[in-house]
Amino acid sequence: MKKVKVTTVGNSVGIVLTAEVLAKLGVKKGDMLSLVETPYGVTMTAFDEAFEEHMEAGRKVMAKHRDVLRELAKR
């Protein structure tokens, strides 16, 4: 487990990540991170554009076919 400090960044709040954590995430200054809520808190990973595109496509399909998916879930 790694600890990070919450600090003021201008008028916002941010965290400082060590070089070791950045290396494990595979990110550098300016890169985007994804934060995902889990039952245990929040997981932080490097942002994956291709994954996000697939998730957005899935959301569209689920929204478009909501009724069909609801009926299938009942079976």
C-alpha atoms as a PDB file:
ATOM      1  CA  MET A   1       0.000   0.000   0.000  1.00  0.00           C
ATOM      2  CA  LYS A   2       1.265   3.477  -0.869  1.00  0.00           C
ATOM      3  CA  LYS A   3       0.299   6.683   0.883  1.00  0.00           C
ATOM      4  CA  VAL A   4      -0.255   9.926  -1.012  1.00  0.00           C
ATOM      5  CA  LYS A   5      -0.739  13.388   0.372  1.00  0.00           C
ATOM      6  CA  VAL A   6      -3.772  15.493  -0.523  1.00  0.00           C
ATOM      7  CA  THR A   7      -2.573  19.019  -1.184  1.00  0.00           C
ATOM      8  CA  THR A   8      -3.730  22.344  -2.571  1.00  0.00           C
ATOM      9  CA  VAL A   9      -3.106  22.925  -6.281  1.00  0.00           C
ATOM     10  CA  GLY A  10      -4.157  26.477  -7.113  1.00  0.00           C
ATOM     11  CA  ASN A  11      -7.856  26.720  -6.231  1.00  0.00           C
ATOM     12  CA  SER A  12      -8.243  22.936  -6.381  1.00  0.00           C
ATOM     13  CA  VAL A  13      -7.088  19.902  -4.440  1.00  0.00           C
ATOM     14  CA  GLY A  14      -4.820  17.194  -5.808  1.00  0.00           C
ATOM     15  CA  ILE A  15      -2.559  14.319  -4.830  1.00  0.00           C
ATOM     16  CA  VAL A  16       1.161  13.940  -5.316  1.00  0.00           C
ATOM     17  CA  LEU A  17       2.261  10.636  -6.876  1.00  0.00           C
ATOM     18  CA  THR A  18       5.809   9.385  -6.453  1.00  0.00           C
ATOM     19  CA  ALA A  19       7.936   8.393  -9.439  1.00  0.00           C
ATOM     20  CA  GLU A  20       7.495   4.772  -8.384  1.00  0.00           C
ATOM     21  CA  VAL A  21       3.681   5.027  -8.495  1.00  0.00           C
ATOM     22  CA  LEU A  22       3.786   6.827 -11.848  1.00  0.00           C
ATOM     23  CA  ALA A  23       5.977   4.045 -13.244  1.00  0.00           C
ATOM     24  CA  LYS A  24       3.614   1.340 -11.957  1.00  0.00           C
ATOM     25  CA  LEU A  25       0.678   3.145 -13.540  1.00  0.00           C
ATOM     26  CA  GLY A  26       2.647   3.647 -16.745  1.00  0.00           C
ATOM     27  CA  VAL A  27       1.850   7.366 -16.842  1.00  0.00           C
ATOM     28  CA  LYS A  28       3.716  10.646 -16.886  1.00  0.00           C
ATOM     29  CA  LYS A  29       2.860  14.270 -16.211  1.00  0.00           C
ATOM     30  CA  GLY A  30      -0.077  15.337 -18.386  1.00  0.00           C
ATOM     31  CA  ASP A  31      -1.486  11.824 -18.908  1.00  0.00           C
ATOM     32  CA  MET A  32      -5.065  11.003 -17.931  1.00  0.00           C
ATOM     33  CA  LEU A  33      -6.089   8.547 -15.220  1.00  0.00           C
ATOM     34  CA  SER A  34      -9.305   6.574 -14.804  1.00  0.00           C
ATOM     35  CA  LEU A  35     -10.879   6.339 -11.362  1.00  0.00           C
ATOM     36  CA  VAL A  36     -13.330   3.491 -10.822  1.00  0.00           C
ATOM     37  CA  GLU A  37     -15.459   3.146  -7.703  1.00  0.00           C
ATOM     38  CA  THR A  38     -15.254  -0.344  -6.192  1.00  0.00           C
ATOM     39  CA  PRO A  39     -16.723  -1.896  -3.046  1.00  0.00           C
ATOM     40  CA  TYR A  40     -13.331  -1.230  -1.407  1.00  0.00           C
ATOM     41  CA  GLY A  41     -12.930   2.409  -2.465  1.00  0.00           C
ATOM     42  CA  VAL A  42     -11.501   3.774  -5.699  1.00  0.00           C
ATOM     43  CA  THR A  43      -9.116   2.119  -8.163  1.00  0.00           C
ATOM     44  CA  MET A  44      -6.812   4.312 -10.241  1.00  0.00           C
ATOM     45  CA  THR A  45      -5.454   3.151 -13.610  1.00  0.00           C
ATOM     46  CA  ALA A  46      -3.984   4.734 -16.713  1.00  0.00           C
ATOM     47  CA  PHE A  47      -6.745   6.017 -18.995  1.00  0.00           C
ATOM     48  CA  ASP A  48      -7.284   3.688 -21.966  1.00  0.00           C
ATOM     49  CA  GLU A  49      -8.974   5.468 -24.896  1.00  0.00           C
ATOM     50  CA  ALA A  50      -9.839   2.204 -26.712  1.00  0.00           C
ATOM     51  CA  PHE A  51     -11.442   0.749 -23.578  1.00  0.00           C
ATOM     52  CA  GLU A  52     -13.461   3.933 -23.060  1.00  0.00           C
ATOM     53  CA  GLU A  53     -14.696   3.768 -26.679  1.00  0.00           C
ATOM     54  CA  HIS A  54     -15.836   0.169 -26.128  1.00  0.00           C
ATOM     55  CA  MET A  55     -17.592   1.112 -22.902  1.00  0.00           C
ATOM     56  CA  GLU A  56     -19.376   4.000 -24.628  1.00  0.00           C
ATOM     57  CA  ALA A  57     -20.518   1.675 -27.423  1.00  0.00           C
ATOM     58  CA  GLY A  58     -21.837  -0.731 -24.776  1.00  0.00           C
ATOM     59  CA  ARG A  59     -23.697   2.075 -23.008  1.00  0.00           C
ATOM     60  CA  LYS A  60     -25.364   3.075 -26.281  1.00  0.00           C
ATOM     61  CA  VAL A  61     -26.439  -0.505 -27.010  1.00  0.00           C
ATOM     62  CA  MET A  62     -27.801  -0.910 -23.473  1.00  0.00           C
ATOM     63  CA  ALA A  63     -29.717   2.370 -23.700  1.00  0.00           C
ATOM     64  CA  LYS A  64     -31.123   1.567 -27.149  1.00  0.00           C
ATOM     65  CA  HIS A  65     -32.176  -1.983 -26.228  1.00  0.00           C
ATOM     66  CA  ARG A  66     -33.039  -1.431 -22.564  1.00  0.00           C
ATOM     67  CA  ASP A  67     -36.433  -3.161 -22.806  1.00  0.00           C
ATOM     68  CA  VAL A  68     -35.044  -6.252 -24.541  1.00  0.00           C
ATOM     69  CA  LEU A  69     -32.209  -6.554 -22.058  1.00  0.00           C
ATOM     70  CA  ARG A  70     -34.639  -6.184 -19.137  1.00  0.00           C
ATOM     71  CA  GLU A  71     -36.777  -9.034 -20.514  1.00  0.00           C
ATOM     72  CA  LEU A  72     -33.720 -11.242 -21.020  1.00  0.00           C
ATOM     73  CA  ALA A  73     -32.621 -10.569 -17.447  1.00  0.00           C
ATOM     74  CA  LYS A  74     -35.941 -11.955 -16.170  1.00  0.00           C
ATOM     75  CA  ARG A  75     -35.254 -15.385 -17.697  1.00  0.00           C
END
